[in-house]
Amino acid sequence: MGAPLTELENCMKTMMLIFHKYASGDENQSKLTLSNNELKKLLNEELKTFMKAPTDPAAMKTLMDQMDINGDKEVDFQEFIVMVSSITILCNEYLVSCLKKK
């Protein structure tokens, strides 16, 4: 087996595995994309500390529309990574602002 993965490589691997875990649900087995329900489940289970998943159907539709860059009513891996990156940027900005206050 090759060299052990670095921390960043492990993070990348984890993001891929998490996406595939939720995108492999019953709703769209022929494609590796997240439906509205799969996205909601992912947010509730994987980002519950950093982001409160909307329970209001209208709010969930708005979030899905914002994430669905190509307008196909599903979130593909590229759109998922853009979402995770955006949330990470916001968390980093919050961290930096807290550090500046110290």
Protein backbone atom coordinates (compact mmCIF):
# COMPACT_ATOMS: atom_id res chain seq x y z
CA MET A 1 0.00 0.00 0.00
CA GLY A 2 1.15 3.58 -0.64
CA ALA A 3 2.17 6.27 1.78
CA PRO A 4 -0.35 7.28 4.46
CA LEU A 5 -2.65 10.12 3.55
CA THR A 6 -1.91 13.58 4.86
CA GLU A 7 -4.43 15.42 7.04
CA LEU A 8 -5.69 17.41 4.07
CA GLU A 9 -5.92 14.31 1.89
CA ASN A 10 -7.93 12.60 4.65
CA CYS A 11 -10.27 15.61 4.77
CA MET A 12 -10.75 15.40 1.00
CA LYS A 13 -11.40 11.66 1.22
CA THR A 14 -13.93 12.23 4.01
CA MET A 15 -15.82 14.83 1.95
CA MET A 16 -16.03 12.40 -0.97
CA LEU A 17 -17.22 9.55 1.25
CA ILE A 18 -19.85 11.71 2.96
CA PHE A 19 -21.20 12.96 -0.37
CA HIS A 20 -21.43 9.41 -1.73
CA LYS A 21 -23.07 8.17 1.47
CA TYR A 22 -26.00 10.57 1.07
CA ALA A 23 -26.07 10.68 -2.74
CA SER A 24 -26.48 6.90 -2.87
CA GLY A 25 -29.94 7.07 -1.31
CA ASP A 26 -33.10 5.56 -2.71
CA GLU A 27 -34.34 8.66 -4.52
CA ASN A 28 -31.85 8.81 -7.39
CA GLN A 29 -29.79 5.63 -7.48
CA SER A 30 -28.96 6.06 -11.15
CA LYS A 31 -27.06 9.30 -10.46
CA LEU A 32 -24.71 10.43 -7.73
CA THR A 33 -26.55 13.60 -6.80
CA LEU A 34 -28.36 14.84 -3.72
CA SER A 35 -32.11 15.29 -3.87
CA ASN A 36 -33.83 17.83 -1.65
CA ASN A 37 -34.50 15.17 1.02
CA GLU A 38 -30.98 13.76 0.83
CA LEU A 39 -29.51 17.25 1.18
CA LYS A 40 -31.69 17.94 4.21
CA LYS A 41 -30.59 14.65 5.81
CA LEU A 42 -26.92 15.45 5.12
CA LEU A 43 -27.25 18.92 6.67
CA ASN A 44 -29.06 17.55 9.73
CA GLU A 45 -26.55 14.77 10.34
CA GLU A 46 -23.21 16.16 9.15
CA LEU A 47 -23.39 19.94 9.71
CA LYS A 48 -25.60 20.15 12.77
CA THR A 49 -23.04 22.09 14.80
CA PHE A 50 -22.03 24.65 12.16
CA MET A 51 -25.32 25.08 10.39
CA LYS A 52 -28.89 24.58 11.47
CA ALA A 53 -30.73 22.83 8.67
CA PRO A 54 -33.97 24.55 7.76
CA THR A 55 -37.14 22.67 8.68
CA ASP A 56 -39.41 25.01 6.75
CA PRO A 57 -40.00 23.56 3.25
CA ALA A 58 -39.79 27.03 1.68
CA ALA A 59 -36.42 27.69 3.35
CA MET A 60 -35.15 24.29 2.22
CA LYS A 61 -36.26 25.05 -1.37
CA THR A 62 -34.41 28.39 -1.23
CA LEU A 63 -31.24 26.67 0.01
CA MET A 64 -31.52 23.98 -2.68
CA ASP A 65 -32.06 26.62 -5.38
CA GLN A 66 -28.95 28.51 -4.22
CA MET A 67 -26.82 25.36 -4.18
CA ASP A 68 -28.16 23.97 -7.46
CA ILE A 69 -25.87 25.97 -9.72
CA ASN A 70 -26.85 24.18 -12.95
CA GLY A 71 -30.60 24.22 -12.18
CA ASP A 72 -31.22 20.47 -12.47
CA LYS A 73 -33.05 20.26 -9.09
CA GLU A 74 -30.29 18.12 -7.59
CA VAL A 75 -26.91 18.87 -6.00
CA ASP A 76 -23.95 17.18 -7.67
CA PHE A 77 -20.49 16.73 -6.16
CA GLN A 78 -19.15 20.02 -7.53
CA GLU A 79 -22.10 21.94 -6.10
CA PHE A 80 -21.67 20.11 -2.77
CA ILE A 81 -17.99 21.12 -2.59
CA VAL A 82 -18.90 24.76 -3.34
CA MET A 83 -21.36 24.61 -0.41
CA VAL A 84 -18.84 23.07 1.99
CA SER A 85 -16.20 25.59 0.89
CA SER A 86 -18.59 28.50 1.41
CA ILE A 87 -19.52 27.32 4.90
CA THR A 88 -15.82 26.80 5.72
CA ILE A 89 -15.01 30.35 4.57
CA LEU A 90 -17.76 31.75 6.81
CA CYS A 91 -16.54 29.70 9.78
CA ASN A 92 -12.99 30.91 9.20
CA GLU A 93 -14.14 34.53 9.02
CA TYR A 94 -15.94 34.07 12.34
CA LEU A 95 -12.85 32.46 13.89
CA VAL A 96 -10.61 35.30 12.70
CA SER A 97 -13.02 37.91 14.08
CA CYS A 98 -13.04 36.12 17.47
CA LEU A 99 -9.24 35.93 17.52
CA LYS A 100 -8.98 39.66 16.77
CA LYS A 101 -11.17 40.45 19.80
CA LYS A 102 -8.75 38.69 22.16
